Amino acid sequence: DAAPPRKKRRKVRAFGSSPISVAGTVDAVSPILVKDGSPFALVELYQSADDGCDYGEGGDGDERGGGGDVYTAAAILKGEDALSVHPAIEPGRTVTLSDVVSRKWEAGKGFRDRAA
């Protein structure tokens, strides 16, 4: 028997490239926090292959979306315009974030030391 054909993967933009829009279902949202005088909030989004995501095979194997692969992203909302919509962001709600710029993220030294 021949293996089923692989799904085509959509090209993913490089980190730090021009702004993109990201759509997904809100899994969690933090309260507004302040660090060094700058307010921000964290939002975790997910999108399952069943929701029309066409990223191909892969994902983290989470079954949140009713089966199939699930893709997750963490976003940091900062700036007056972004934080003005914070009260309307609730878990389970589908949102589209505009003007998103992707960045690599690395756990701080304190987190790495505790994990070791």
N, C-alpha and C. Protein backbone atom coordinates (compact mmCIF):
# COMPACT_ATOMS: atom_id res chain seq x y z
N ASP A 1 0.83 -1.20 0.00
CA ASP A 1 0.00 0.00 0.00
C ASP A 1 0.87 1.25 0.00
N ALA A 2 0.48 2.18 -0.81
CA ALA A 2 1.22 3.44 -0.91
C ALA A 2 0.80 4.36 0.24
N ALA A 3 1.75 5.12 0.73
CA ALA A 3 1.46 6.09 1.79
C ALA A 3 0.61 7.21 1.21
N PRO A 4 -0.28 7.78 2.03
CA PRO A 4 -1.10 8.89 1.53
C PRO A 4 -0.22 10.08 1.18
N PRO A 5 -0.62 10.88 0.21
CA PRO A 5 0.20 12.05 -0.17
C PRO A 5 0.29 13.03 1.00
N ARG A 6 1.45 13.63 1.14
CA ARG A 6 1.65 14.62 2.21
C ARG A 6 0.95 15.92 1.85
N LYS A 7 0.42 16.56 2.86
CA LYS A 7 -0.19 17.87 2.64
C LYS A 7 0.89 18.89 2.34
N LYS A 8 0.56 19.86 1.52
CA LYS A 8 1.49 20.95 1.21
C LYS A 8 1.59 21.87 2.42
N ARG A 9 2.80 22.23 2.77
CA ARG A 9 2.99 23.17 3.87
C ARG A 9 2.96 24.60 3.35
N ARG A 10 2.31 25.45 4.10
CA ARG A 10 2.30 26.87 3.75
C ARG A 10 3.59 27.50 4.23
N LYS A 11 4.18 28.32 3.40
CA LYS A 11 5.43 28.97 3.78
C LYS A 11 5.18 29.91 4.96
N VAL A 12 6.00 29.79 5.97
CA VAL A 12 5.88 30.61 7.17
C VAL A 12 6.89 31.74 7.06
N ARG A 13 6.46 32.95 7.37
CA ARG A 13 7.34 34.12 7.30
C ARG A 13 8.46 34.01 8.32
N ALA A 14 9.56 34.61 8.01
CA ALA A 14 10.71 34.61 8.92
C ALA A 14 10.42 35.53 10.11
N PHE A 15 11.10 35.25 11.22
CA PHE A 15 10.94 36.09 12.39
C PHE A 15 11.36 37.51 12.07
N GLY A 16 10.60 38.48 12.60
CA GLY A 16 10.95 39.88 12.44
C GLY A 16 10.64 40.46 11.08
N SER A 17 9.96 39.70 10.23
CA SER A 17 9.62 40.24 8.92
C SER A 17 8.46 41.22 9.06
N SER A 18 7.91 41.66 7.97
CA SER A 18 6.84 42.66 8.02
C SER A 18 5.62 42.14 8.79
N PRO A 19 4.81 43.04 9.32
CA PRO A 19 3.65 42.67 10.13
C PRO A 19 2.68 41.75 9.38
N ILE A 20 2.07 40.84 10.14
CA ILE A 20 1.09 39.90 9.61
C ILE A 20 -0.16 39.94 10.48
N SER A 21 -1.21 39.28 10.05
CA SER A 21 -2.41 39.10 10.87
C SER A 21 -2.43 37.64 11.34
N VAL A 22 -2.86 37.44 12.57
CA VAL A 22 -2.92 36.11 13.17
C VAL A 22 -4.33 35.90 13.69
N ALA A 23 -4.99 34.82 13.25
CA ALA A 23 -6.34 34.50 13.72
C ALA A 23 -6.29 33.23 14.54
N GLY A 24 -7.10 33.16 15.58
CA GLY A 24 -7.17 31.96 16.39
C GLY A 24 -8.19 32.11 17.49
N THR A 25 -8.36 31.03 18.23
CA THR A 25 -9.27 31.02 19.37
C THR A 25 -8.44 31.29 20.62
N VAL A 26 -8.94 32.16 21.48
CA VAL A 26 -8.22 32.53 22.70
C VAL A 26 -8.28 31.36 23.68
N ASP A 27 -7.12 30.91 24.12
CA ASP A 27 -7.04 29.86 25.13
C ASP A 27 -6.90 30.48 26.51
N ALA A 28 -6.11 31.56 26.61
CA ALA A 28 -5.89 32.22 27.89
C ALA A 28 -5.48 33.66 27.64
N VAL A 29 -5.81 34.51 28.61
CA VAL A 29 -5.40 35.92 28.54
C VAL A 29 -5.02 36.35 29.96
N SER A 30 -3.90 37.03 30.07
CA SER A 30 -3.44 37.49 31.38
C SER A 30 -4.11 38.82 31.72
N PRO A 31 -4.06 39.20 32.99
CA PRO A 31 -4.43 40.58 33.31
C PRO A 31 -3.36 41.51 32.73
N ILE A 32 -3.63 42.79 32.71
CA ILE A 32 -2.62 43.75 32.25
C ILE A 32 -1.54 43.82 33.32
N LEU A 33 -0.32 43.59 32.91
CA LEU A 33 0.84 43.60 33.80
C LEU A 33 1.71 44.80 33.46
N VAL A 34 2.59 45.19 34.37
CA VAL A 34 3.49 46.31 34.12
C VAL A 34 4.91 45.89 34.46
N LYS A 35 5.81 46.13 33.51
CA LYS A 35 7.24 45.88 33.74
C LYS A 35 7.99 47.11 33.28
N ASP A 36 8.80 47.64 34.15
CA ASP A 36 9.60 48.83 33.84
C ASP A 36 8.72 49.97 33.34
N GLY A 37 7.53 50.11 33.91
CA GLY A 37 6.64 51.20 33.54
C GLY A 37 5.86 50.99 32.25
N SER A 38 6.02 49.81 31.60
CA SER A 38 5.34 49.54 30.33
C SER A 38 4.27 48.47 30.53
N PRO A 39 2.99 48.84 30.35
CA PRO A 39 1.93 47.85 30.50
C PRO A 39 1.87 46.90 29.31
N PHE A 40 1.48 45.64 29.57
CA PHE A 40 1.33 44.64 28.52
C PHE A 40 0.41 43.53 29.03
N ALA A 41 -0.05 42.70 28.13
CA ALA A 41 -0.84 41.52 28.48
C ALA A 41 -0.43 40.38 27.56
N LEU A 42 -0.52 39.16 28.06
CA LEU A 42 -0.19 37.98 27.28
C LEU A 42 -1.48 37.30 26.82
N VAL A 43 -1.49 36.82 25.59
CA VAL A 43 -2.63 36.10 25.04
C VAL A 43 -2.12 34.82 24.39
N GLU A 44 -2.74 33.68 24.72
CA GLU A 44 -2.39 32.43 24.05
C GLU A 44 -3.54 32.08 23.11
N LEU A 45 -3.20 31.83 21.85
CA LEU A 45 -4.18 31.49 20.82
C LEU A 45 -3.91 30.08 20.32
N TYR A 46 -4.97 29.43 19.83
CA TYR A 46 -4.77 28.16 19.14
C TYR A 46 -5.65 28.10 17.91
N GLN A 47 -5.25 27.26 16.99
CA GLN A 47 -6.02 27.06 15.76
C GLN A 47 -5.81 25.60 15.38
N SER A 48 -6.91 24.86 15.20
CA SER A 48 -6.77 23.46 14.83
C SER A 48 -6.87 23.30 13.33
N ALA A 49 -6.36 22.20 12.83
CA ALA A 49 -6.46 21.89 11.40
C ALA A 49 -7.93 21.82 11.00
N ASP A 50 -8.80 21.42 11.92
CA ASP A 50 -10.23 21.33 11.65
C ASP A 50 -10.89 22.70 11.49
N ASP A 51 -10.20 23.75 11.95
CA ASP A 51 -10.73 25.11 11.84
C ASP A 51 -10.37 25.76 10.51
N GLY A 52 -9.83 24.99 9.58
CA GLY A 52 -9.48 25.53 8.28
C GLY A 52 -8.03 25.93 8.17
N CYS A 53 -7.22 25.60 9.18
CA CYS A 53 -5.79 25.89 9.14
C CYS A 53 -5.15 25.05 8.05
N ASP A 54 -4.32 25.64 7.20
CA ASP A 54 -3.71 24.87 6.12
C ASP A 54 -2.19 24.82 6.24
N TYR A 55 -1.68 24.68 7.45
CA TYR A 55 -0.24 24.65 7.66
C TYR A 55 0.38 23.30 7.35
N GLY A 56 -0.42 22.30 7.00
CA GLY A 56 0.13 20.98 6.68
C GLY A 56 0.23 20.13 7.92
N GLU A 57 1.04 19.09 7.84
CA GLU A 57 1.17 18.16 8.96
C GLU A 57 2.09 18.76 10.01
N GLY A 58 1.96 18.28 11.22
CA GLY A 58 2.81 18.76 12.31
C GLY A 58 1.96 19.27 13.44
N GLY A 59 2.37 20.31 14.08
CA GLY A 59 1.65 20.82 15.23
C GLY A 59 2.14 20.12 16.48
N ASP A 60 1.50 20.44 17.61
CA ASP A 60 1.97 19.86 18.85
C ASP A 60 1.15 18.66 19.29
N GLY A 61 0.20 18.19 18.46
CA GLY A 61 -0.56 17.00 18.78
C GLY A 61 -1.68 17.22 19.79
N ASP A 62 -1.87 18.43 20.26
CA ASP A 62 -2.93 18.73 21.20
C ASP A 62 -4.27 18.52 20.51
N GLU A 63 -5.23 17.99 21.23
CA GLU A 63 -6.52 17.65 20.62
C GLU A 63 -7.62 18.66 20.96
N ARG A 64 -7.27 19.88 21.33
CA ARG A 64 -8.25 20.88 21.75
C ARG A 64 -9.33 21.16 20.71
N GLY A 65 -8.98 21.12 19.45
CA GLY A 65 -9.90 21.53 18.40
C GLY A 65 -10.80 20.42 17.89
N GLY A 66 -10.99 19.34 18.65
CA GLY A 66 -11.89 18.28 18.22
C GLY A 66 -11.18 17.25 17.35
N GLY A 67 -9.89 17.12 17.47
CA GLY A 67 -9.14 16.15 16.69
C GLY A 67 -8.23 16.85 15.72
N GLY A 68 -7.21 16.17 15.30
CA GLY A 68 -6.28 16.77 14.36
C GLY A 68 -5.24 17.60 15.07
N ASP A 69 -4.37 18.20 14.28
CA ASP A 69 -3.28 18.99 14.84
C ASP A 69 -3.77 20.35 15.31
N VAL A 70 -3.08 20.87 16.31
CA VAL A 70 -3.39 22.19 16.85
C VAL A 70 -2.12 23.02 16.82
N TYR A 71 -2.24 24.26 16.37
CA TYR A 71 -1.13 25.19 16.30
C TYR A 71 -1.38 26.28 17.33
N THR A 72 -0.36 26.62 18.10
CA THR A 72 -0.52 27.61 19.16
C THR A 72 0.44 28.78 18.96
N ALA A 73 0.06 29.90 19.54
CA ALA A 73 0.92 31.08 19.50
C ALA A 73 0.68 31.88 20.77
N ALA A 74 1.70 32.50 21.26
CA ALA A 74 1.58 33.42 22.38
C ALA A 74 1.82 34.81 21.83
N ALA A 75 0.97 35.74 22.23
CA ALA A 75 1.10 37.12 21.76
C ALA A 75 1.22 38.04 22.95
N ILE A 76 1.98 39.09 22.78
CA ILE A 76 2.10 40.13 23.79
C ILE A 76 1.39 41.36 23.25
N LEU A 77 0.37 41.80 23.97
CA LEU A 77 -0.33 43.04 23.60
C LEU A 77 0.35 44.18 24.34
N LYS A 78 0.81 45.16 23.60
CA LYS A 78 1.40 46.33 24.25
C LYS A 78 1.06 47.56 23.43
N GLY A 79 1.04 48.67 24.07
CA GLY A 79 0.64 49.91 23.41
C GLY A 79 -0.82 50.21 23.71
N GLU A 80 -1.14 51.47 23.67
CA GLU A 80 -2.48 51.93 24.04
C GLU A 80 -3.57 51.31 23.17
N ASP A 81 -3.36 51.26 21.85
CA ASP A 81 -4.38 50.72 20.95
C ASP A 81 -4.63 49.23 21.23
N ALA A 82 -3.57 48.47 21.37
CA ALA A 82 -3.72 47.02 21.60
C ALA A 82 -4.38 46.76 22.96
N LEU A 83 -3.95 47.47 23.98
CA LEU A 83 -4.49 47.22 25.32
C LEU A 83 -5.92 47.73 25.47
N SER A 84 -6.36 48.62 24.60
CA SER A 84 -7.73 49.13 24.70
C SER A 84 -8.77 48.04 24.42
N VAL A 85 -8.38 46.98 23.69
CA VAL A 85 -9.31 45.88 23.40
C VAL A 85 -9.18 44.75 24.41
N HIS A 86 -8.27 44.85 25.36
CA HIS A 86 -8.04 43.79 26.34
C HIS A 86 -9.32 43.30 27.03
N PRO A 87 -10.21 44.20 27.48
CA PRO A 87 -11.41 43.73 28.18
C PRO A 87 -12.31 42.84 27.31
N ALA A 88 -12.23 42.96 26.00
CA ALA A 88 -13.10 42.17 25.11
C ALA A 88 -12.49 40.81 24.76
N ILE A 89 -11.25 40.56 25.13
CA ILE A 89 -10.60 39.30 24.80
C ILE A 89 -10.89 38.29 25.90
N GLU A 90 -11.65 37.25 25.55
CA GLU A 90 -12.05 36.24 26.52
C GLU A 90 -11.71 34.86 25.99
N PRO A 91 -11.34 33.93 26.88
CA PRO A 91 -11.08 32.56 26.43
C PRO A 91 -12.29 31.99 25.67
N GLY A 92 -12.00 31.30 24.57
CA GLY A 92 -13.05 30.71 23.74
C GLY A 92 -13.49 31.59 22.59
N ARG A 93 -13.16 32.86 22.65
CA ARG A 93 -13.54 33.80 21.60
C ARG A 93 -12.53 33.75 20.46
N THR A 94 -13.00 33.81 19.22
CA THR A 94 -12.11 33.84 18.06
C THR A 94 -11.74 35.28 17.77
N VAL A 95 -10.44 35.53 17.61
CA VAL A 95 -9.96 36.89 17.38
C VAL A 95 -8.97 36.90 16.22
N THR A 96 -8.79 38.06 15.64
CA THR A 96 -7.74 38.28 14.65
C THR A 96 -6.90 39.44 15.14
N LEU A 97 -5.62 39.18 15.32
CA LEU A 97 -4.69 40.23 15.73
C LEU A 97 -3.99 40.75 14.48
N SER A 98 -4.02 42.06 14.30
CA SER A 98 -3.41 42.69 13.12
C SER A 98 -2.09 43.33 13.48
N ASP A 99 -1.26 43.55 12.48
CA ASP A 99 0.05 44.19 12.66
C ASP A 99 0.92 43.45 13.66
N VAL A 100 0.89 42.11 13.60
CA VAL A 100 1.70 41.28 14.49
C VAL A 100 3.10 41.14 13.89
N VAL A 101 4.10 41.34 14.70
CA VAL A 101 5.49 41.13 14.28
C VAL A 101 6.02 39.98 15.11
N SER A 102 6.46 38.91 14.45
CA SER A 102 6.94 37.74 15.17
C SER A 102 8.36 37.96 15.68
N ARG A 103 8.61 37.41 16.84
CA ARG A 103 9.93 37.52 17.46
C ARG A 103 10.28 36.17 18.06
N LYS A 104 11.55 35.83 18.04
CA LYS A 104 12.00 34.64 18.75
C LYS A 104 11.92 34.94 20.23
N TRP A 105 11.59 33.92 21.01
CA TRP A 105 11.49 34.10 22.45
C TRP A 105 12.31 33.03 23.12
N GLU A 106 13.03 33.41 24.13
CA GLU A 106 13.83 32.45 24.88
C GLU A 106 13.54 32.66 26.35
N ALA A 107 13.38 31.55 27.07
CA ALA A 107 13.14 31.64 28.50
C ALA A 107 14.34 32.31 29.18
N GLY A 108 14.05 33.13 30.15
CA GLY A 108 15.11 33.81 30.87
C GLY A 108 16.01 32.85 31.64
N LYS A 109 17.19 33.31 32.02
CA LYS A 109 18.15 32.48 32.72
C LYS A 109 17.56 31.89 34.01
N GLY A 110 16.78 32.66 34.72
CA GLY A 110 16.17 32.17 35.96
C GLY A 110 15.27 30.96 35.72
N PHE A 111 14.50 30.99 34.64
CA PHE A 111 13.65 29.84 34.30
C PHE A 111 14.49 28.64 33.89
N ARG A 112 15.52 28.89 33.09
CA ARG A 112 16.38 27.78 32.65
C ARG A 112 17.08 27.14 33.83
N ASP A 113 17.55 27.96 34.80
CA ASP A 113 18.25 27.42 35.96
C ASP A 113 17.31 26.56 36.81
N ARG A 114 16.05 26.98 36.97
CA ARG A 114 15.08 26.20 37.77
C ARG A 114 14.74 24.89 37.09
N ALA A 115 14.71 24.89 35.75
CA ALA A 115 14.34 23.69 35.01
C ALA A 115 15.47 22.66 35.02
N ALA A 116 16.69 23.10 35.22
CA ALA A 116 17.84 22.18 35.17
C ALA A 116 17.97 21.32 36.40
